[in-house]
């Protein structure tokens, strides 16, 4: 069964809901949640996406997250995705920074959160191939070397960084 995704306009007002495949095929504006999962020492859990993902297969993803389903709120989506993808449970989500991102692949209103979590990742095999822990230097190298990192997760991280909320971490 296909996921039914919330569709929004360019002012982030809900205008409908369609199956995920239709949203991708028509590049419809939608909502997505992003959760940056940090260790207490500032290392970030970075996912390597599976080759079966419908967008950016095999790329690194700086955040757990995904599309907001019809009838779902951003924070509920963030908690669901962090749990499904990495097994993150019970972590306090902070941030909640809303932003617009658009490129040739997507149009999305995102909401970015972060959390501290010391648990052992439990990967969702259908979506996450592997997880690495990156420090600040790794993020800089990824940018400098042009590693294939999902562009929406870079945008989400930059919006969170501009708030200053993550200062001790990154």
C-alpha atoms as a PDB file:
ATOM      1  CA  UNK A   1       0.000   0.000   0.000  1.00  0.00           C
ATOM      2  CA  UNK A   2       1.350   3.405  -1.000  1.00  0.00           C
ATOM      3  CA  UNK A   3       1.896   6.110   1.596  1.00  0.00           C
ATOM      4  CA  UNK A   4      -0.519   9.061   1.293  1.00  0.00           C
ATOM      5  CA  UNK A   5       1.425  12.312   1.553  1.00  0.00           C
ATOM      6  CA  UNK A   6       0.302  15.795   2.620  1.00  0.00           C
ATOM      7  CA  UNK A   7       0.462  18.218  -0.311  1.00  0.00           C
ATOM      8  CA  UNK A   8       0.864  21.940   0.387  1.00  0.00           C
ATOM      9  CA  UNK A   9       1.053  25.198  -1.544  1.00  0.00           C
ATOM     10  CA  UNK A  10       4.021  27.573  -1.550  1.00  0.00           C
ATOM     11  CA  UNK A  11       2.721  29.202   1.659  1.00  0.00           C
ATOM     12  CA  UNK A  12       2.675  25.776   3.385  1.00  0.00           C
ATOM     13  CA  UNK A  13      -1.119  25.518   3.449  1.00  0.00           C
ATOM     14  CA  UNK A  14      -2.511  22.001   3.047  1.00  0.00           C
ATOM     15  CA  UNK A  15      -4.184  21.642  -0.347  1.00  0.00           C
ATOM     16  CA  UNK A  16      -4.607  17.874  -0.556  1.00  0.00           C
ATOM     17  CA  UNK A  17      -3.098  14.442  -0.227  1.00  0.00           C
ATOM     18  CA  UNK A  18      -1.818  12.020  -2.874  1.00  0.00           C
ATOM     19  CA  UNK A  19       0.122   8.773  -3.013  1.00  0.00           C
ATOM     20  CA  UNK A  20       3.873   9.222  -2.556  1.00  0.00           C
ATOM     21  CA  UNK A  21       4.625   8.018  -6.106  1.00  0.00           C
ATOM     22  CA  UNK A  22       2.339  10.684  -7.575  1.00  0.00           C
ATOM     23  CA  UNK A  23       3.920  13.388  -5.396  1.00  0.00           C
ATOM     24  CA  UNK A  24       7.385  12.377  -6.696  1.00  0.00           C
ATOM     25  CA  UNK A  25       6.292  12.005 -10.331  1.00  0.00           C
ATOM     26  CA  UNK A  26       4.630  15.442 -10.370  1.00  0.00           C
ATOM     27  CA  UNK A  27       7.216  17.087  -8.051  1.00  0.00           C
ATOM     28  CA  UNK A  28       4.425  18.411  -5.857  1.00  0.00           C
ATOM     29  CA  UNK A  29       5.182  20.644  -2.865  1.00  0.00           C
ATOM     30  CA  UNK A  30       4.914  18.592   0.303  1.00  0.00           C
ATOM     31  CA  UNK A  31       6.095  18.546   3.916  1.00  0.00           C
ATOM     32  CA  UNK A  32       9.008  16.635   5.386  1.00  0.00           C
ATOM     33  CA  UNK A  33      10.537  16.246   8.833  1.00  0.00           C
ATOM     34  CA  UNK A  34      14.271  16.153   9.591  1.00  0.00           C
ATOM     35  CA  UNK A  35      15.860  14.945  12.858  1.00  0.00           C
ATOM     36  CA  UNK A  36      19.583  15.424  13.417  1.00  0.00           C
ATOM     37  CA  UNK A  37      20.653  12.805  15.940  1.00  0.00           C
ATOM     38  CA  UNK A  38      23.744  13.804  17.917  1.00  0.00           C
ATOM     39  CA  UNK A  39      25.882  12.038  20.470  1.00  0.00           C
ATOM     40  CA  UNK A  40      26.779  13.990  23.612  1.00  0.00           C
ATOM     41  CA  UNK A  41      30.280  14.590  22.226  1.00  0.00           C
ATOM     42  CA  UNK A  42      28.845  16.325  19.134  1.00  0.00           C
ATOM     43  CA  UNK A  43      29.155  13.467  16.636  1.00  0.00           C
ATOM     44  CA  UNK A  44      26.224  13.283  14.225  1.00  0.00           C
ATOM     45  CA  UNK A  45      24.628   9.999  13.131  1.00  0.00           C
ATOM     46  CA  UNK A  46      24.759  10.066   9.320  1.00  0.00           C
ATOM     47  CA  UNK A  47      22.873   7.510   7.257  1.00  0.00           C
ATOM     48  CA  UNK A  48      23.879   5.897   4.006  1.00  0.00           C
ATOM     49  CA  UNK A  49      20.622   5.558   2.040  1.00  0.00           C
ATOM     50  CA  UNK A  50      19.780   2.262   0.345  1.00  0.00           C
ATOM     51  CA  UNK A  51      19.871   1.994  -3.428  1.00  0.00           C
ATOM     52  CA  UNK A  52      16.111   1.396  -3.455  1.00  0.00           C
ATOM     53  CA  UNK A  53      15.195   4.887  -2.201  1.00  0.00           C
ATOM     54  CA  UNK A  54      12.936   6.833  -4.570  1.00  0.00           C
ATOM     55  CA  UNK A  55      15.179   9.898  -4.434  1.00  0.00           C
ATOM     56  CA  UNK A  56      18.945  10.226  -3.952  1.00  0.00           C
ATOM     57  CA  UNK A  57      19.626   6.451  -3.645  1.00  0.00           C
ATOM     58  CA  UNK A  58      22.964   5.580  -2.063  1.00  0.00           C
ATOM     59  CA  UNK A  59      23.628   9.130  -0.888  1.00  0.00           C
ATOM     60  CA  UNK A  60      24.478  10.186   2.659  1.00  0.00           C
ATOM     61  CA  UNK A  61      21.647  11.698   4.680  1.00  0.00           C
ATOM     62  CA  UNK A  62      22.513  13.936   7.617  1.00  0.00           C
ATOM     63  CA  UNK A  63      19.089  13.509   9.220  1.00  0.00           C
ATOM     64  CA  UNK A  64      16.534  10.857   9.929  1.00  0.00           C
ATOM     65  CA  UNK A  65      13.262  11.926   8.454  1.00  0.00           C
ATOM     66  CA  UNK A  66      10.891  11.825   5.571  1.00  0.00           C
ATOM     67  CA  UNK A  67       7.594  12.924   4.131  1.00  0.00           C
ATOM     68  CA  UNK A  68       4.780  14.001   6.414  1.00  0.00           C
ATOM     69  CA  UNK A  69       1.847  11.673   5.887  1.00  0.00           C
ATOM     70  CA  UNK A  70      -1.728  12.861   5.378  1.00  0.00           C
ATOM     71  CA  UNK A  71      -3.232  13.839   8.732  1.00  0.00           C
ATOM     72  CA  UNK A  72       0.172  13.831  10.456  1.00  0.00           C
ATOM     73  CA  UNK A  73       1.892  16.784  12.140  1.00  0.00           C
ATOM     74  CA  UNK A  74       5.587  17.584  11.666  1.00  0.00           C
ATOM     75  CA  UNK A  75       6.678  16.486  15.144  1.00  0.00           C
ATOM     76  CA  UNK A  76       4.799  13.199  14.937  1.00  0.00           C
ATOM     77  CA  UNK A  77       6.458  12.574  11.563  1.00  0.00           C
ATOM     78  CA  UNK A  78       9.869  13.405  13.036  1.00  0.00           C
ATOM     79  CA  UNK A  79       9.420  11.003  15.951  1.00  0.00           C
ATOM     80  CA  UNK A  80       8.077   8.243  13.675  1.00  0.00           C
ATOM     81  CA  UNK A  81      10.902   8.584  11.157  1.00  0.00           C
ATOM     82  CA  UNK A  82      13.684   8.731  13.783  1.00  0.00           C
ATOM     83  CA  UNK A  83      12.285   5.587  15.365  1.00  0.00           C
ATOM     84  CA  UNK A  84      11.741   3.723  12.086  1.00  0.00           C
ATOM     85  CA  UNK A  85      15.102   4.581  10.545  1.00  0.00           C
ATOM     86  CA  UNK A  86      17.445   4.484  13.555  1.00  0.00           C
ATOM     87  CA  UNK A  87      15.500   3.163  16.542  1.00  0.00           C
ATOM     88  CA  UNK A  88      15.586   6.541  18.321  1.00  0.00           C
ATOM     89  CA  UNK A  89      12.984   6.441  21.075  1.00  0.00           C
ATOM     90  CA  UNK A  90      12.257   8.846  23.916  1.00  0.00           C
ATOM     91  CA  UNK A  91      14.743  11.541  22.882  1.00  0.00           C
ATOM     92  CA  UNK A  92      13.727  15.159  23.444  1.00  0.00           C
ATOM     93  CA  UNK A  93      13.320  16.883  20.083  1.00  0.00           C
ATOM     94  CA  UNK A  94      14.523  20.472  19.992  1.00  0.00           C
ATOM     95  CA  UNK A  95      14.465  23.105  17.297  1.00  0.00           C
ATOM     96  CA  UNK A  96      11.425  22.791  15.092  1.00  0.00           C
ATOM     97  CA  UNK A  97      12.758  25.241  12.508  1.00  0.00           C
ATOM     98  CA  UNK A  98      10.589  25.543   9.417  1.00  0.00           C
ATOM     99  CA  UNK A  99      12.159  26.194   5.991  1.00  0.00           C
ATOM    100  CA  UNK A 100      11.517  25.956   2.253  1.00  0.00           C
ATOM    101  CA  UNK A 101      13.804  23.894   0.002  1.00  0.00           C
ATOM    102  CA  UNK A 102      13.556  23.425  -3.730  1.00  0.00           C
ATOM    103  CA  UNK A 103      15.767  21.887  -6.398  1.00  0.00           C
ATOM    104  CA  UNK A 104      15.227  19.954  -9.623  1.00  0.00           C
ATOM    105  CA  UNK A 105      14.012  16.916  -7.646  1.00  0.00           C
ATOM    106  CA  UNK A 106      11.803  18.287  -4.871  1.00  0.00           C
ATOM    107  CA  UNK A 107       9.759  21.171  -3.507  1.00  0.00           C
ATOM    108  CA  UNK A 108       9.403  20.815   0.227  1.00  0.00           C
ATOM    109  CA  UNK A 109       8.449  22.652   3.376  1.00  0.00           C
ATOM    110  CA  UNK A 110      10.656  21.100   6.009  1.00  0.00           C
ATOM    111  CA  UNK A 111      10.789  21.283   9.760  1.00  0.00           C
ATOM    112  CA  UNK A 112      14.160  20.527  11.308  1.00  0.00           C
ATOM    113  CA  UNK A 113      14.726  19.142  14.789  1.00  0.00           C
ATOM    114  CA  UNK A 114      17.714  17.798  16.653  1.00  0.00           C
ATOM    115  CA  UNK A 115      18.202  15.560  19.638  1.00  0.00           C
ATOM    116  CA  UNK A 116      20.865  13.973  21.816  1.00  0.00           C
ATOM    117  CA  UNK A 117      20.743  10.203  21.886  1.00  0.00           C
ATOM    118  CA  UNK A 118      23.223   7.640  23.159  1.00  0.00           C
ATOM    119  CA  UNK A 119      21.375   4.484  22.121  1.00  0.00           C
ATOM    120  CA  UNK A 120      22.513   1.776  19.751  1.00  0.00           C
ATOM    121  CA  UNK A 121      21.137   2.434  16.256  1.00  0.00           C
ATOM    122  CA  UNK A 122      18.686  -0.132  14.905  1.00  0.00           C
ATOM    123  CA  UNK A 123      18.552   0.383  11.162  1.00  0.00           C
ATOM    124  CA  UNK A 124      15.510   0.136   8.920  1.00  0.00           C
ATOM    125  CA  UNK A 125      16.940  -2.228   6.293  1.00  0.00           C
ATOM    126  CA  UNK A 126      14.680  -0.986   3.508  1.00  0.00           C
ATOM    127  CA  UNK A 127      15.888   2.614   3.874  1.00  0.00           C
ATOM    128  CA  UNK A 128      19.227   2.726   5.711  1.00  0.00           C
ATOM    129  CA  UNK A 129      22.241   0.789   4.473  1.00  0.00           C
ATOM    130  CA  UNK A 130      24.658   1.925   7.191  1.00  0.00           C
ATOM    131  CA  UNK A 131      25.226   4.617   9.810  1.00  0.00           C
ATOM    132  CA  UNK A 132      28.430   6.532  10.462  1.00  0.00           C
ATOM    133  CA  UNK A 133      29.233   9.033  13.196  1.00  0.00           C
ATOM    134  CA  UNK A 134      30.603  12.293  11.800  1.00  0.00           C
ATOM    135  CA  UNK A 135      32.239  15.106  13.700  1.00  0.00           C
ATOM    136  CA  UNK A 136      32.485  18.731  12.594  1.00  0.00           C
ATOM    137  CA  UNK A 137      35.611  17.987  10.538  1.00  0.00           C
ATOM    138  CA  UNK A 138      33.831  15.177   8.693  1.00  0.00           C
ATOM    139  CA  UNK A 139      31.010  17.537   7.744  1.00  0.00           C
ATOM    140  CA  UNK A 140      33.482  20.094   6.423  1.00  0.00           C
ATOM    141  CA  UNK A 141      35.328  17.424   4.421  1.00  0.00           C
ATOM    142  CA  UNK A 142      32.047  16.131   2.988  1.00  0.00           C
ATOM    143  CA  UNK A 143      31.222  19.638   1.770  1.00  0.00           C
ATOM    144  CA  UNK A 144      34.728  20.315   0.414  1.00  0.00           C
ATOM    145  CA  UNK A 145      35.012  16.947  -1.334  1.00  0.00           C
ATOM    146  CA  UNK A 146      31.539  17.128  -2.809  1.00  0.00           C
ATOM    147  CA  UNK A 147      30.329  13.888  -1.230  1.00  0.00           C
ATOM    148  CA  UNK A 148      26.853  12.951  -2.329  1.00  0.00           C
ATOM    149  CA  UNK A 149      24.849  14.232   0.633  1.00  0.00           C
ATOM    150  CA  UNK A 150      21.125  14.835   0.279  1.00  0.00           C
ATOM    151  CA  UNK A 151      20.753  18.550  -0.452  1.00  0.00           C
ATOM    152  CA  UNK A 152      17.609  18.947   1.635  1.00  0.00           C
ATOM    153  CA  UNK A 153      19.428  17.646   4.729  1.00  0.00           C
ATOM    154  CA  UNK A 154      22.244  20.197   4.154  1.00  0.00           C
ATOM    155  CA  UNK A 155      19.589  22.930   3.913  1.00  0.00           C
ATOM    156  CA  UNK A 156      17.870  21.728   7.095  1.00  0.00           C
ATOM    157  CA  UNK A 157      21.179  21.644   8.986  1.00  0.00           C
ATOM    158  CA  UNK A 158      22.076  25.152   7.829  1.00  0.00           C
ATOM    159  CA  UNK A 159      18.711  26.517   8.974  1.00  0.00           C
ATOM    160  CA  UNK A 160      19.147  24.930  12.397  1.00  0.00           C
ATOM    161  CA  UNK A 161      22.712  26.235  12.657  1.00  0.00           C
ATOM    162  CA  UNK A 162      21.520  29.795  11.974  1.00  0.00           C
ATOM    163  CA  UNK A 163      19.311  29.646  15.070  1.00  0.00           C
ATOM    164  CA  UNK A 164      22.307  29.074  17.358  1.00  0.00           C
ATOM    165  CA  UNK A 165      20.386  26.329  19.190  1.00  0.00           C
ATOM    166  CA  UNK A 166      23.020  23.697  18.340  1.00  0.00           C
ATOM    167  CA  UNK A 167      26.056  25.803  19.305  1.00  0.00           C
ATOM    168  CA  UNK A 168      27.543  23.355  21.791  1.00  0.00           C
ATOM    169  CA  UNK A 169      27.185  20.507  19.288  1.00  0.00           C
ATOM    170  CA  UNK A 170      28.219  21.923  15.944  1.00  0.00           C
END
